[in-house]
Amino acid sequence: MISSKTHAILDYVVGILLIALPWLLGFADDSAATVIPVLLGVSTLLYSLLTNYEYAMARVIPYKIHLTIDFAAGFLLLASPWLFGFSDRIYLPHVILGAFEIVAVLLSRKATSTVYAPKQI
C-alpha cells in the first residue's frame, strides 16, 4: 500500500511531469495532446497544495476527495487521445501516466498517516 506521505510526493512529481511531458517527448503544440496533460499537471499541483495530507500548504480538501479527483484525472488522461481525437498522432504517454494515476489511487491507503487539522487560508 502507498502511504499518504508517499502519495503526496508522487502527486507533485506527476504534476511536474505532466506539465513537462509534451516538451520532453516532442509533441508540444497548441493541440489537446499538449493542453490536457499540462492542465491536469497544473490542477494536480494546485489541489495537492490544498489537500489535507502531508506536504500541503492549506489542508482544505479531504484526502478521500483528493483520491477521487486523482482517479478521475487518471481516467481522463488515459482516455484523452480517443476522446479528443489525437490517438493517431500520440497516445502512449497519456495512457501510461493515466494508468499510473489510477493504479496509484487503488494502491493508496484511504486515510492519512496522521490526522491533520485544516489550515486556514
PDB file of N, CA and C in Angstrom:
ATOM      1  N   MET A   1       0.837  -1.188   0.000  1.00  0.00           N
ATOM      2  CA  MET A   1       0.000   0.000   0.000  1.00  0.00           C
ATOM      3  C   MET A   1       0.885   1.257   0.000  1.00  0.00           C
ATOM      4  N   ILE A   2       0.390   2.281  -0.634  1.00  0.00           N
ATOM      5  CA  ILE A   2       1.091   3.565  -0.710  1.00  0.00           C
ATOM      6  C   ILE A   2       0.571   4.453   0.417  1.00  0.00           C
ATOM      7  N   SER A   3       1.467   4.944   1.254  1.00  0.00           N
ATOM      8  CA  SER A   3       1.064   5.835   2.345  1.00  0.00           C
ATOM      9  C   SER A   3       0.658   7.195   1.776  1.00  0.00           C
ATOM     10  N   SER A   4      -0.071   7.949   2.570  1.00  0.00           N
ATOM     11  CA  SER A   4      -0.475   9.290   2.124  1.00  0.00           C
ATOM     12  C   SER A   4       0.748  10.182   1.927  1.00  0.00           C
ATOM     13  N   LYS A   5       1.785   9.975   2.704  1.00  0.00           N
ATOM     14  CA  LYS A   5       3.021  10.759   2.558  1.00  0.00           C
ATOM     15  C   LYS A   5       3.680  10.467   1.208  1.00  0.00           C
ATOM     16  N   THR A   6       3.781   9.189   0.858  1.00  0.00           N
ATOM     17  CA  THR A   6       4.344   8.809  -0.445  1.00  0.00           C
ATOM     18  C   THR A   6       3.439   9.286  -1.569  1.00  0.00           C
ATOM     19  N   HIS A   7       2.128   9.171  -1.370  1.00  0.00           N
ATOM     20  CA  HIS A   7       1.177   9.638  -2.380  1.00  0.00           C
ATOM     21  C   HIS A   7       1.355  11.140  -2.630  1.00  0.00           C
ATOM     22  N   ALA A   8       1.571  11.900  -1.565  1.00  0.00           N
ATOM     23  CA  ALA A   8       1.768  13.344  -1.706  1.00  0.00           C
ATOM     24  C   ALA A   8       2.997  13.640  -2.565  1.00  0.00           C
ATOM     25  N   ILE A   9       4.077  12.920  -2.314  1.00  0.00           N
ATOM     26  CA  ILE A   9       5.295  13.111  -3.111  1.00  0.00           C
ATOM     27  C   ILE A   9       5.016  12.761  -4.567  1.00  0.00           C
ATOM     28  N   LEU A  10       4.345  11.626  -4.787  1.00  0.00           N
ATOM     29  CA  LEU A  10       4.004  11.219  -6.158  1.00  0.00           C
ATOM     30  C   LEU A  10       3.158  12.275  -6.860  1.00  0.00           C
ATOM     31  N   ASP A  11       2.232  12.886  -6.129  1.00  0.00           N
ATOM     32  CA  ASP A  11       1.378  13.917  -6.731  1.00  0.00           C
ATOM     33  C   ASP A  11       2.206  15.055  -7.306  1.00  0.00           C
ATOM     34  N   TYR A  12       3.175  15.538  -6.538  1.00  0.00           N
ATOM     35  CA  TYR A  12       3.989  16.661  -7.014  1.00  0.00           C
ATOM     36  C   TYR A  12       4.893  16.241  -8.172  1.00  0.00           C
ATOM     37  N   VAL A  13       5.458  15.049  -8.105  1.00  0.00           N
ATOM     38  CA  VAL A  13       6.305  14.552  -9.195  1.00  0.00           C
ATOM     39  C   VAL A  13       5.483  14.371 -10.467  1.00  0.00           C
ATOM     40  N   VAL A  14       4.324  13.742 -10.348  1.00  0.00           N
ATOM     41  CA  VAL A  14       3.470  13.511 -11.523  1.00  0.00           C
ATOM     42  C   VAL A  14       2.948  14.833 -12.076  1.00  0.00           C
ATOM     43  N   GLY A  15       2.580  15.779 -11.208  1.00  0.00           N
ATOM     44  CA  GLY A  15       2.121  17.088 -11.681  1.00  0.00           C
ATOM     45  C   GLY A  15       3.174  17.787 -12.527  1.00  0.00           C
ATOM     46  N   ILE A  16       4.405  17.803 -12.036  1.00  0.00           N
ATOM     47  CA  ILE A  16       5.505  18.435 -12.786  1.00  0.00           C
ATOM     48  C   ILE A  16       5.775  17.670 -14.076  1.00  0.00           C
ATOM     49  N   LEU A  17       5.761  16.344 -14.001  1.00  0.00           N
ATOM     50  CA  LEU A  17       5.991  15.519 -15.189  1.00  0.00           C
ATOM     51  C   LEU A  17       4.916  15.759 -16.249  1.00  0.00           C
ATOM     52  N   LEU A  18       3.656  15.848 -15.838  1.00  0.00           N
ATOM     53  CA  LEU A  18       2.576  16.106 -16.796  1.00  0.00           C
ATOM     54  C   LEU A  18       2.775  17.440 -17.513  1.00  0.00           C
ATOM     55  N   ILE A  19       3.212  18.441 -16.784  1.00  0.00           N
ATOM     56  CA  ILE A  19       3.438  19.756 -17.395  1.00  0.00           C
ATOM     57  C   ILE A  19       4.596  19.696 -18.387  1.00  0.00           C
ATOM     58  N   ALA A  20       5.658  18.995 -18.042  1.00  0.00           N
ATOM     59  CA  ALA A  20       6.856  18.941 -18.885  1.00  0.00           C
ATOM     60  C   ALA A  20       6.775  17.928 -20.023  1.00  0.00           C
ATOM     61  N   LEU A  21       5.893  16.945 -19.886  1.00  0.00           N
ATOM     62  CA  LEU A  21       5.834  15.820 -20.815  1.00  0.00           C
ATOM     63  C   LEU A  21       5.792  16.194 -22.301  1.00  0.00           C
ATOM     64  N   PRO A  22       4.929  17.115 -22.719  1.00  0.00           N
ATOM     65  CA  PRO A  22       4.888  17.431 -24.149  1.00  0.00           C
ATOM     66  C   PRO A  22       6.230  17.915 -24.700  1.00  0.00           C
ATOM     67  N   TRP A  23       6.979  18.653 -23.904  1.00  0.00           N
ATOM     68  CA  TRP A  23       8.269  19.161 -24.359  1.00  0.00           C
ATOM     69  C   TRP A  23       9.339  18.083 -24.257  1.00  0.00           C
ATOM     70  N   LEU A  24       9.267  17.259 -23.233  1.00  0.00           N
ATOM     71  CA  LEU A  24      10.235  16.173 -23.077  1.00  0.00           C
ATOM     72  C   LEU A  24      10.125  15.154 -24.204  1.00  0.00           C
ATOM     73  N   LEU A  25       8.897  14.893 -24.667  1.00  0.00           N
ATOM     74  CA  LEU A  25       8.680  13.872 -25.692  1.00  0.00           C
ATOM     75  C   LEU A  25       8.425  14.443 -27.084  1.00  0.00           C
ATOM     76  N   GLY A  26       8.500  15.757 -27.224  1.00  0.00           N
ATOM     77  CA  GLY A  26       8.433  16.376 -28.547  1.00  0.00           C
ATOM     78  C   GLY A  26       7.068  16.457 -29.192  1.00  0.00           C
ATOM     79  N   PHE A  27       6.007  16.546 -28.410  1.00  0.00           N
ATOM     80  CA  PHE A  27       4.688  16.728 -29.027  1.00  0.00           C
ATOM     81  C   PHE A  27       4.017  18.019 -28.565  1.00  0.00           C
ATOM     82  N   ALA A  28       4.824  18.971 -28.145  1.00  0.00           N
ATOM     83  CA  ALA A  28       4.283  20.253 -27.672  1.00  0.00           C
ATOM     84  C   ALA A  28       3.783  21.091 -28.839  1.00  0.00           C
ATOM     85  N   ASP A  29       2.512  21.425 -28.799  1.00  0.00           N
ATOM     86  CA  ASP A  29       1.889  22.337 -29.747  1.00  0.00           C
ATOM     87  C   ASP A  29       0.629  22.886 -29.070  1.00  0.00           C
ATOM     88  N   ASP A  30      -0.259  23.451 -29.807  1.00  0.00           N
ATOM     89  CA  ASP A  30      -1.478  24.008 -29.218  1.00  0.00           C
ATOM     90  C   ASP A  30      -2.648  23.032 -29.244  1.00  0.00           C
ATOM     91  N   SER A  31      -2.370  21.762 -29.480  1.00  0.00           N
ATOM     92  CA  SER A  31      -3.450  20.778 -29.586  1.00  0.00           C
ATOM     93  C   SER A  31      -3.821  20.216 -28.224  1.00  0.00           C
ATOM     94  N   ALA A  32      -4.905  19.453 -28.204  1.00  0.00           N
ATOM     95  CA  ALA A  32      -5.369  18.809 -26.977  1.00  0.00           C
ATOM     96  C   ALA A  32      -4.327  17.849 -26.421  1.00  0.00           C
ATOM     97  N   ALA A  33      -3.500  17.277 -27.283  1.00  0.00           N
ATOM     98  CA  ALA A  33      -2.456  16.355 -26.826  1.00  0.00           C
ATOM     99  C   ALA A  33      -1.501  17.039 -25.855  1.00  0.00           C
ATOM    100  N   THR A  34      -1.294  18.331 -26.026  1.00  0.00           N
ATOM    101  CA  THR A  34      -0.438  19.114 -25.136  1.00  0.00           C
ATOM    102  C   THR A  34      -1.231  19.738 -24.009  1.00  0.00           C
ATOM    103  N   VAL A  35      -2.364  20.335 -24.336  1.00  0.00           N
ATOM    104  CA  VAL A  35      -3.136  21.103 -23.361  1.00  0.00           C
ATOM    105  C   VAL A  35      -3.635  20.224 -22.217  1.00  0.00           C
ATOM    106  N   ILE A  36      -4.092  19.027 -22.511  1.00  0.00           N
ATOM    107  CA  ILE A  36      -4.680  18.172 -21.477  1.00  0.00           C
ATOM    108  C   ILE A  36      -3.663  17.782 -20.399  1.00  0.00           C
ATOM    109  N   PRO A  37      -2.493  17.243 -20.749  1.00  0.00           N
ATOM    110  CA  PRO A  37      -1.555  16.925 -19.664  1.00  0.00           C
ATOM    111  C   PRO A  37      -1.075  18.165 -18.901  1.00  0.00           C
ATOM    112  N   VAL A  38      -0.902  19.274 -19.601  1.00  0.00           N
ATOM    113  CA  VAL A  38      -0.464  20.490 -18.912  1.00  0.00           C
ATOM    114  C   VAL A  38      -1.535  20.953 -17.923  1.00  0.00           C
ATOM    115  N   LEU A  39      -2.792  21.002 -18.351  1.00  0.00           N
ATOM    116  CA  LEU A  39      -3.870  21.409 -17.439  1.00  0.00           C
ATOM    117  C   LEU A  39      -4.027  20.438 -16.268  1.00  0.00           C
ATOM    118  N   LEU A  40      -3.934  19.147 -16.559  1.00  0.00           N
ATOM    119  CA  LEU A  40      -4.035  18.163 -15.477  1.00  0.00           C
ATOM    120  C   LEU A  40      -2.840  18.273 -14.529  1.00  0.00           C
ATOM    121  N   GLY A  41      -1.668  18.568 -15.062  1.00  0.00           N
ATOM    122  CA  GLY A  41      -0.494  18.750 -14.214  1.00  0.00           C
ATOM    123  C   GLY A  41      -0.622  19.957 -13.305  1.00  0.00           C
ATOM    124  N   VAL A  42      -1.058  21.081 -13.860  1.00  0.00           N
ATOM    125  CA  VAL A  42      -1.250  22.291 -13.059  1.00  0.00           C
ATOM    126  C   VAL A  42      -2.324  22.060 -12.006  1.00  0.00           C
ATOM    127  N   SER A  43      -3.444  21.443 -12.412  1.00  0.00           N
ATOM    128  CA  SER A  43      -4.518  21.211 -11.445  1.00  0.00           C
ATOM    129  C   SER A  43      -4.076  20.227 -10.356  1.00  0.00           C
ATOM    130  N   THR A  44      -3.291  19.213 -10.712  1.00  0.00           N
ATOM    131  CA  THR A  44      -2.783  18.272  -9.718  1.00  0.00           C
ATOM    132  C   THR A  44      -1.934  18.995  -8.675  1.00  0.00           C
ATOM    133  N   LEU A  45      -1.075  19.880  -9.131  1.00  0.00           N
ATOM    134  CA  LEU A  45      -0.248  20.641  -8.194  1.00  0.00           C
ATOM    135  C   LEU A  45      -1.116  21.515  -7.290  1.00  0.00           C
ATOM    136  N   LEU A  46      -2.118  22.155  -7.876  1.00  0.00           N
ATOM    137  CA  LEU A  46      -2.968  23.055  -7.088  1.00  0.00           C
ATOM    138  C   LEU A  46      -3.793  22.300  -6.046  1.00  0.00           C
ATOM    139  N   TYR A  47      -4.495  21.243  -6.458  1.00  0.00           N
ATOM    140  CA  TYR A  47      -5.324  20.562  -5.460  1.00  0.00           C
ATOM    141  C   TYR A  47      -4.475  19.761  -4.483  1.00  0.00           C
ATOM    142  N   SER A  48      -3.255  19.408  -4.851  1.00  0.00           N
ATOM    143  CA  SER A  48      -2.352  18.760  -3.894  1.00  0.00           C
ATOM    144  C   SER A  48      -1.925  19.737  -2.803  1.00  0.00           C
ATOM    145  N   LEU A  49      -1.683  20.980  -3.184  1.00  0.00           N
ATOM    146  CA  LEU A  49      -1.327  22.002  -2.199  1.00  0.00           C
ATOM    147  C   LEU A  49      -2.463  22.272  -1.216  1.00  0.00           C
ATOM    148  N   LEU A  50      -3.695  21.934  -1.622  1.00  0.00           N
ATOM    149  CA  LEU A  50      -4.875  22.196  -0.799  1.00  0.00           C
ATOM    150  C   LEU A  50      -5.446  20.957  -0.119  1.00  0.00           C
ATOM    151  N   THR A  51      -4.798  19.821  -0.269  1.00  0.00           N
ATOM    152  CA  THR A  51      -5.306  18.567   0.288  1.00  0.00           C
ATOM    153  C   THR A  51      -4.885  18.397   1.741  1.00  0.00           C
ATOM    154  N   ASN A  52      -5.745  17.775   2.501  1.00  0.00           N
ATOM    155  CA  ASN A  52      -5.471  17.526   3.920  1.00  0.00           C
ATOM    156  C   ASN A  52      -4.573  16.288   4.061  1.00  0.00           C
ATOM    157  N   TYR A  53      -3.292  16.487   3.701  1.00  0.00           N
ATOM    158  CA  TYR A  53      -2.279  15.443   3.856  1.00  0.00           C
ATOM    159  C   TYR A  53      -0.907  16.081   3.967  1.00  0.00           C
ATOM    160  N   GLU A  54       0.099  15.228   4.109  1.00  0.00           N
ATOM    161  CA  GLU A  54       1.469  15.704   4.243  1.00  0.00           C
ATOM    162  C   GLU A  54       1.860  16.563   3.037  1.00  0.00           C
ATOM    163  N   TYR A  55       2.688  17.539   3.272  1.00  0.00           N
ATOM    164  CA  TYR A  55       3.271  18.415   2.242  1.00  0.00           C
ATOM    165  C   TYR A  55       2.261  19.347   1.575  1.00  0.00           C
ATOM    166  N   ALA A  56       1.143  19.596   2.215  1.00  0.00           N
ATOM    167  CA  ALA A  56       0.158  20.553   1.692  1.00  0.00           C
ATOM    168  C   ALA A  56       0.382  21.908   2.351  1.00  0.00           C
ATOM    169  N   MET A  57      -0.047  22.945   1.672  1.00  0.00           N
ATOM    170  CA  MET A  57       0.062  24.287   2.242  1.00  0.00           C
ATOM    171  C   MET A  57      -1.192  24.668   3.018  1.00  0.00           C
ATOM    172  N   ALA A  58      -2.340  24.326   2.495  1.00  0.00           N
ATOM    173  CA  ALA A  58      -3.625  24.639   3.147  1.00  0.00           C
ATOM    174  C   ALA A  58      -4.478  23.384   3.078  1.00  0.00           C
ATOM    175  N   ARG A  59      -4.750  22.788   4.192  1.00  0.00           N
ATOM    176  CA  ARG A  59      -5.423  21.484   4.234  1.00  0.00           C
ATOM    177  C   ARG A  59      -6.937  21.652   4.255  1.00  0.00           C
ATOM    178  N   VAL A  60      -7.509  21.923   3.080  1.00  0.00           N
ATOM    179  CA  VAL A  60      -8.949  22.165   2.997  1.00  0.00           C
ATOM    180  C   VAL A  60      -9.708  21.096   2.214  1.00  0.00           C
ATOM    181  N   ILE A  61      -9.036  20.325   1.385  1.00  0.00           N
ATOM    182  CA  ILE A  61      -9.691  19.266   0.611  1.00  0.00           C
ATOM    183  C   ILE A  61      -9.447  17.936   1.324  1.00  0.00           C
ATOM    184  N   PRO A  62     -10.509  17.211   1.677  1.00  0.00           N
ATOM    185  CA  PRO A  62     -10.311  15.905   2.313  1.00  0.00           C
ATOM    186  C   PRO A  62      -9.523  14.952   1.412  1.00  0.00           C
ATOM    187  N   TYR A  63      -8.689  14.138   2.033  1.00  0.00           N
ATOM    188  CA  TYR A  63      -7.829  13.218   1.287  1.00  0.00           C
ATOM    189  C   TYR A  63      -8.632  12.268   0.406  1.00  0.00           C
ATOM    190  N   LYS A  64      -9.766  11.776   0.887  1.00  0.00           N
ATOM    191  CA  LYS A  64     -10.585  10.872   0.067  1.00  0.00           C
ATOM    192  C   LYS A  64     -11.118  11.579  -1.183  1.00  0.00           C
ATOM    193  N   ILE A  65     -11.451  12.848  -1.060  1.00  0.00           N
ATOM    194  CA  ILE A  65     -11.885  13.626  -2.231  1.00  0.00           C
ATOM    195  C   ILE A  65     -10.713  13.780  -3.200  1.00  0.00           C
ATOM    196  N   HIS A  66      -9.538  14.031  -2.657  1.00  0.00           N
ATOM    197  CA  HIS A  66      -8.330  14.132  -3.477  1.00  0.00           C
ATOM    198  C   HIS A  66      -8.134  12.850  -4.289  1.00  0.00           C
ATOM    199  N   LEU A  67      -8.274  11.699  -3.638  1.00  0.00           N
ATOM    200  CA  LEU A  67      -8.106  10.428  -4.340  1.00  0.00           C
ATOM    201  C   LEU A  67      -9.139  10.260  -5.448  1.00  0.00           C
ATOM    202  N   THR A  68     -10.358  10.719  -5.203  1.00  0.00           N
ATOM    203  CA  THR A  68     -11.407  10.657  -6.229  1.00  0.00           C
ATOM    204  C   THR A  68     -11.040  11.532  -7.427  1.00  0.00           C
ATOM    205  N   ILE A  69     -10.534  12.716  -7.152  1.00  0.00           N
ATOM    206  CA  ILE A  69     -10.094  13.612  -8.236  1.00  0.00           C
ATOM    207  C   ILE A  69      -8.939  12.982  -9.003  1.00  0.00           C
ATOM    208  N   ASP A  70      -7.977  12.400  -8.282  1.00  0.00           N
ATOM    209  CA  ASP A  70      -6.852  11.714  -8.942  1.00  0.00           C
ATOM    210  C   ASP A  70      -7.344  10.607  -9.874  1.00  0.00           C
ATOM    211  N   PHE A  71      -8.302   9.817  -9.387  1.00  0.00           N
ATOM    212  CA  PHE A  71      -8.828   8.713 -10.193  1.00  0.00           C
ATOM    213  C   PHE A  71      -9.481   9.252 -11.471  1.00  0.00           C
ATOM    214  N   ALA A  72     -10.316  10.276 -11.322  1.00  0.00           N
ATOM    215  CA  ALA A  72     -10.994  10.865 -12.483  1.00  0.00           C
ATOM    216  C   ALA A  72      -9.987  11.483 -13.451  1.00  0.00           C
ATOM    217  N   ALA A  73      -8.982  12.165 -12.917  1.00  0.00           N
ATOM    218  CA  ALA A  73      -7.955  12.773 -13.767  1.00  0.00           C
ATOM    219  C   ALA A  73      -7.170  11.697 -14.510  1.00  0.00           C
ATOM    220  N   GLY A  74      -6.861  10.608 -13.822  1.00  0.00           N
ATOM    221  CA  GLY A  74      -6.157   9.500 -14.468  1.00  0.00           C
ATOM    222  C   GLY A  74      -6.971   8.888 -15.587  1.00  0.00           C
ATOM    223  N   PHE A  75      -8.253   8.702 -15.340  1.00  0.00           N
ATOM    224  CA  PHE A  75      -9.129   8.151 -16.374  1.00  0.00           C
ATOM    225  C   PHE A  75      -9.233   9.105 -17.567  1.00  0.00           C
ATOM    226  N   LEU A  76      -9.395  10.398 -17.289  1.00  0.00           N
ATOM    227  CA  LEU A  76      -9.460  11.390 -18.371  1.00  0.00           C
ATOM    228  C   LEU A  76      -8.172  11.385 -19.183  1.00  0.00           C
ATOM    229  N   LEU A  77      -7.033  11.366 -18.509  1.00  0.00           N
ATOM    230  CA  LEU A  77      -5.748  11.353 -19.216  1.00  0.00           C
ATOM    231  C   LEU A  77      -5.622  10.097 -20.066  1.00  0.00           C
ATOM    232  N   LEU A  78      -5.971   8.950 -19.506  1.00  0.00           N
ATOM    233  CA  LEU A  78      -5.872   7.690 -20.227  1.00  0.00           C
ATOM    234  C   LEU A  78      -6.765   7.677 -21.470  1.00  0.00           C
ATOM    235  N   ALA A  79      -7.962   8.204 -21.350  1.00  0.00           N
ATOM    236  CA  ALA A  79      -8.926   8.181 -22.465  1.00  0.00           C
ATOM    237  C   ALA A  79      -8.790   9.366 -23.411  1.00  0.00           C
ATOM    238  N   SER A  80      -8.046  10.388 -23.026  1.00  0.00           N
ATOM    239  CA  SER A  80      -7.997  11.635 -23.801  1.00  0.00           C
ATOM    240  C   SER A  80      -7.572  11.491 -25.260  1.00  0.00           C
ATOM    241  N   PRO A  81      -6.650  10.601 -25.613  1.00  0.00           N
ATOM    242  CA  PRO A  81      -6.298  10.508 -27.035  1.00  0.00           C
ATOM    243  C   PRO A  81      -7.488  10.158 -27.928  1.00  0.00           C
ATOM    244  N   TRP A  82      -8.418   9.362 -27.406  1.00  0.00           N
ATOM    245  CA  TRP A  82      -9.588   8.974 -28.188  1.00  0.00           C
ATOM    246  C   TRP A  82     -10.734   9.961 -28.000  1.00  0.00           C
ATOM    247  N   LEU A  83     -10.877  10.487 -26.793  1.00  0.00           N
ATOM    248  CA  LEU A  83     -11.933  11.477 -26.541  1.00  0.00           C
ATOM    249  C   LEU A  83     -11.732  12.757 -27.338  1.00  0.00           C
ATOM    250  N   PHE A  84     -10.462  13.151 -27.513  1.00  0.00           N
ATOM    251  CA  PHE A  84     -10.162  14.422 -28.160  1.00  0.00           C
ATOM    252  C   PHE A  84      -9.521  14.262 -29.534  1.00  0.00           C
ATOM    253  N   GLY A  85      -9.465  13.033 -30.038  1.00  0.00           N
ATOM    254  CA  GLY A  85      -9.105  12.776 -31.424  1.00  0.00           C
ATOM    255  C   GLY A  85      -7.649  12.943 -31.810  1.00  0.00           C
ATOM    256  N   PHE A  86      -6.721  12.655 -30.925  1.00  0.00           N
ATOM    257  CA  PHE A  86      -5.311  12.743 -31.324  1.00  0.00           C
ATOM    258  C   PHE A  86      -4.588  11.401 -31.189  1.00  0.00           C
ATOM    259  N   SER A  87      -5.351  10.314 -31.079  1.00  0.00           N
ATOM    260  CA  SER A  87      -4.745   8.993 -30.891  1.00  0.00           C
ATOM    261  C   SER A  87      -3.928   8.537 -32.098  1.00  0.00           C
ATOM    262  N   ASP A  88      -4.213   9.102 -33.268  1.00  0.00           N
ATOM    263  CA  ASP A  88      -3.440   8.742 -34.457  1.00  0.00           C
ATOM    264  C   ASP A  88      -2.048   9.367 -34.441  1.00  0.00           C
ATOM    265  N   ARG A  89      -1.853  10.374 -33.585  1.00  0.00           N
ATOM    266  CA  ARG A  89      -0.573  11.089 -33.519  1.00  0.00           C
ATOM    267  C   ARG A  89       0.244  10.689 -32.301  1.00  0.00           C
ATOM    268  N   ILE A  90      -0.402  10.647 -31.143  1.00  0.00           N
ATOM    269  CA  ILE A  90       0.282  10.284 -29.896  1.00  0.00           C
ATOM    270  C   ILE A  90      -0.747   9.782 -28.894  1.00  0.00           C
ATOM    271  N   TYR A  91      -0.413   8.738 -28.179  1.00  0.00           N
ATOM    272  CA  TYR A  91      -1.333   8.237 -27.156  1.00  0.00           C
ATOM    273  C   TYR A  91      -0.621   7.549 -25.998  1.00  0.00           C
ATOM    274  N   LEU A  92       0.519   6.947 -26.246  1.00  0.00           N
ATOM    275  CA  LEU A  92       1.163   6.133 -25.225  1.00  0.00           C
ATOM    276  C   LEU A  92       1.519   6.893 -23.937  1.00  0.00           C
ATOM    277  N   PRO A  93       2.083   8.107 -23.992  1.00  0.00           N
ATOM    278  CA  PRO A  93       2.370   8.808 -22.730  1.00  0.00           C
ATOM    279  C   PRO A  93       1.111   9.078 -21.909  1.00  0.00           C
ATOM    280  N   HIS A  94       0.021   9.409 -22.576  1.00  0.00           N
ATOM    281  CA  HIS A  94      -1.242   9.685 -21.897  1.00  0.00           C
ATOM    282  C   HIS A  94      -1.789   8.420 -21.243  1.00  0.00           C
ATOM    283  N   VAL A  95      -1.712   7.320 -21.954  1.00  0.00           N
ATOM    284  CA  VAL A  95      -2.215   6.042 -21.436  1.00  0.00           C
ATOM    285  C   VAL A  95      -1.368   5.577 -20.254  1.00  0.00           C
ATOM    286  N   ILE A  96      -0.053   5.647 -20.382  1.00  0.00           N
ATOM    287  CA  ILE A  96       0.835   5.167 -19.321  1.00  0.00           C
ATOM    288  C   ILE A  96       0.656   5.993 -18.046  1.00  0.00           C
ATOM    289  N   LEU A  97       0.696   7.322 -18.168  1.00  0.00           N
ATOM    290  CA  LEU A  97       0.554   8.152 -16.969  1.00  0.00           C
ATOM    291  C   LEU A  97      -0.856   8.092 -16.399  1.00  0.00           C
ATOM    292  N   GLY A  98      -1.862   8.008 -17.258  1.00  0.00           N
ATOM    293  CA  GLY A  98      -3.232   7.868 -16.769  1.00  0.00           C
ATOM    294  C   GLY A  98      -3.408   6.568 -16.000  1.00  0.00           C
ATOM    295  N   ALA A  99      -2.886   5.485 -16.544  1.00  0.00           N
ATOM    296  CA  ALA A  99      -2.966   4.183 -15.855  1.00  0.00           C
ATOM    297  C   ALA A  99      -2.174   4.219 -14.548  1.00  0.00           C
ATOM    298  N   PHE A 100      -1.021   4.886 -14.563  1.00  0.00           N
ATOM    299  CA  PHE A 100      -0.229   5.016 -13.345  1.00  0.00           C
ATOM    300  C   PHE A 100      -1.024   5.730 -12.253  1.00  0.00           C
ATOM    301  N   GLU A 101      -1.709   6.817 -12.617  1.00  0.00           N
ATOM    302  CA  GLU A 101      -2.511   7.551 -11.631  1.00  0.00           C
ATOM    303  C   GLU A 101      -3.623   6.676 -11.051  1.00  0.00           C
ATOM    304  N   ILE A 102      -4.289   5.934 -11.900  1.00  0.00           N
ATOM    305  CA  ILE A 102      -5.376   5.066 -11.437  1.00  0.00           C
ATOM    306  C   ILE A 102      -4.836   3.995 -10.489  1.00  0.00           C
ATOM    307  N   VAL A 103      -3.742   3.346 -10.865  1.00  0.00           N
ATOM    308  CA  VAL A 103      -3.147   2.309 -10.021  1.00  0.00           C
ATOM    309  C   VAL A 103      -2.664   2.909  -8.700  1.00  0.00           C
ATOM    310  N   ALA A 104      -2.077   4.099  -8.744  1.00  0.00           N
ATOM    311  CA  ALA A 104      -1.612   4.753  -7.515  1.00  0.00           C
ATOM    312  C   ALA A 104      -2.778   4.995  -6.556  1.00  0.00           C
ATOM    313  N   VAL A 105      -3.918   5.413  -7.092  1.00  0.00           N
ATOM    314  CA  VAL A 105      -5.096   5.624  -6.237  1.00  0.00           C
ATOM    315  C   VAL A 105      -5.555   4.299  -5.643  1.00  0.00           C
ATOM    316  N   LEU A 106      -5.627   3.273  -6.466  1.00  0.00           N
ATOM    317  CA  LEU A 106      -6.104   1.974  -5.989  1.00  0.00           C
ATOM    318  C   LEU A 106      -5.183   1.369  -4.934  1.00  0.00           C
ATOM    319  N   LEU A 107      -3.891   1.688  -4.996  1.00  0.00           N
ATOM    320  CA  LEU A 107      -2.929   1.144  -4.042  1.00  0.00           C
ATOM    321  C   LEU A 107      -2.690   2.051  -2.836  1.00  0.00           C
ATOM    322  N   SER A 108      -3.262   3.236  -2.857  1.00  0.00           N
ATOM    323  CA  SER A 108      -3.053   4.192  -1.763  1.00  0.00           C
ATOM    324  C   SER A 108      -3.968   3.894  -0.586  1.00  0.00           C
ATOM    325  N   ARG A 109      -3.418   4.064   0.605  1.00  0.00           N
ATOM    326  CA  ARG A 109      -4.251   3.984   1.798  1.00  0.00           C
ATOM    327  C   ARG A 109      -5.299   5.078   1.707  1.00  0.00           C
ATOM    328  N   LYS A 110      -6.472   4.802   2.218  1.00  0.00           N
ATOM    329  CA  LYS A 110      -7.582   5.750   2.077  1.00  0.00           C
ATOM    330  C   LYS A 110      -7.656   6.751   3.218  1.00  0.00           C
ATOM    331  N   ALA A 111      -6.666   6.724   4.104  1.00  0.00           N
ATOM    332  CA  ALA A 111      -6.606   7.685   5.208  1.00  0.00           C
ATOM    333  C   ALA A 111      -5.164   8.162   5.338  1.00  0.00           C
ATOM    334  N   THR A 112      -4.994   9.368   5.844  1.00  0.00           N
ATOM    335  CA  THR A 112      -3.659   9.902   6.042  1.00  0.00           C
ATOM    336  C   THR A 112      -3.004   9.224   7.234  1.00  0.00           C
ATOM    337  N   SER A 113      -1.699   9.297   7.292  1.00  0.00           N
ATOM    338  CA  SER A 113      -0.931   8.679   8.377  1.00  0.00           C
ATOM    339  C   SER A 113      -1.241   9.348   9.715  1.00  0.00           C
ATOM    340  N   THR A 114      -1.506  10.620   9.681  1.00  0.00           N
ATOM    341  CA  THR A 114      -1.782  11.419  10.867  1.00  0.00           C
ATOM    342  C   THR A 114      -3.015  12.249  10.601  1.00  0.00           C
ATOM    343  N   VAL A 115      -3.765  12.559  11.635  1.00  0.00           N
ATOM    344  CA  VAL A 115      -4.920  13.429  11.477  1.00  0.00           C
ATOM    345  C   VAL A 115      -4.422  14.867  11.482  1.00  0.00           C
ATOM    346  N   TYR A 116      -4.795  15.599  10.456  1.00  0.00           N
ATOM    347  CA  TYR A 116      -4.371  16.988  10.322  1.00  0.00           C
ATOM    348  C   TYR A 116      -5.565  17.899  10.504  1.00  0.00           C
ATOM    349  N   ALA A 117      -5.367  18.948  11.240  1.00  0.00           N
ATOM    350  CA  ALA A 117      -6.404  19.974  11.343  1.00  0.00           C
ATOM    351  C   ALA A 117      -6.313  20.837  10.092  1.00  0.00           C
ATOM    352  N   PRO A 118      -7.437  21.156   9.479  1.00  0.00           N
ATOM    353  CA  PRO A 118      -7.396  22.006   8.290  1.00  0.00           C
ATOM    354  C   PRO A 118      -6.713  23.347   8.605  1.00  0.00           C
ATOM    355  N   LYS A 119      -5.873  23.787   7.669  1.00  0.00           N
ATOM    356  CA  LYS A 119      -5.226  25.080   7.799  1.00  0.00           C
ATOM    357  C   LYS A 119      -6.145  26.152   7.251  1.00  0.00           C
ATOM    358  N   GLN A 120      -6.072  27.302   7.821  1.00  0.00           N
ATOM    359  CA  GLN A 120      -6.860  28.439   7.327  1.00  0.00           C
ATOM    360  C   GLN A 120      -6.114  29.097   6.178  1.00  0.00           C
ATOM    361  N   ILE A 121      -6.848  29.455   5.152  1.00  0.00           N
ATOM    362  CA  ILE A 121      -6.243  30.133   4.002  1.00  0.00           C
ATOM    363  C   ILE A 121      -6.246  31.614   4.248  1.00  0.00           C
TER     364      ILE A 121
END
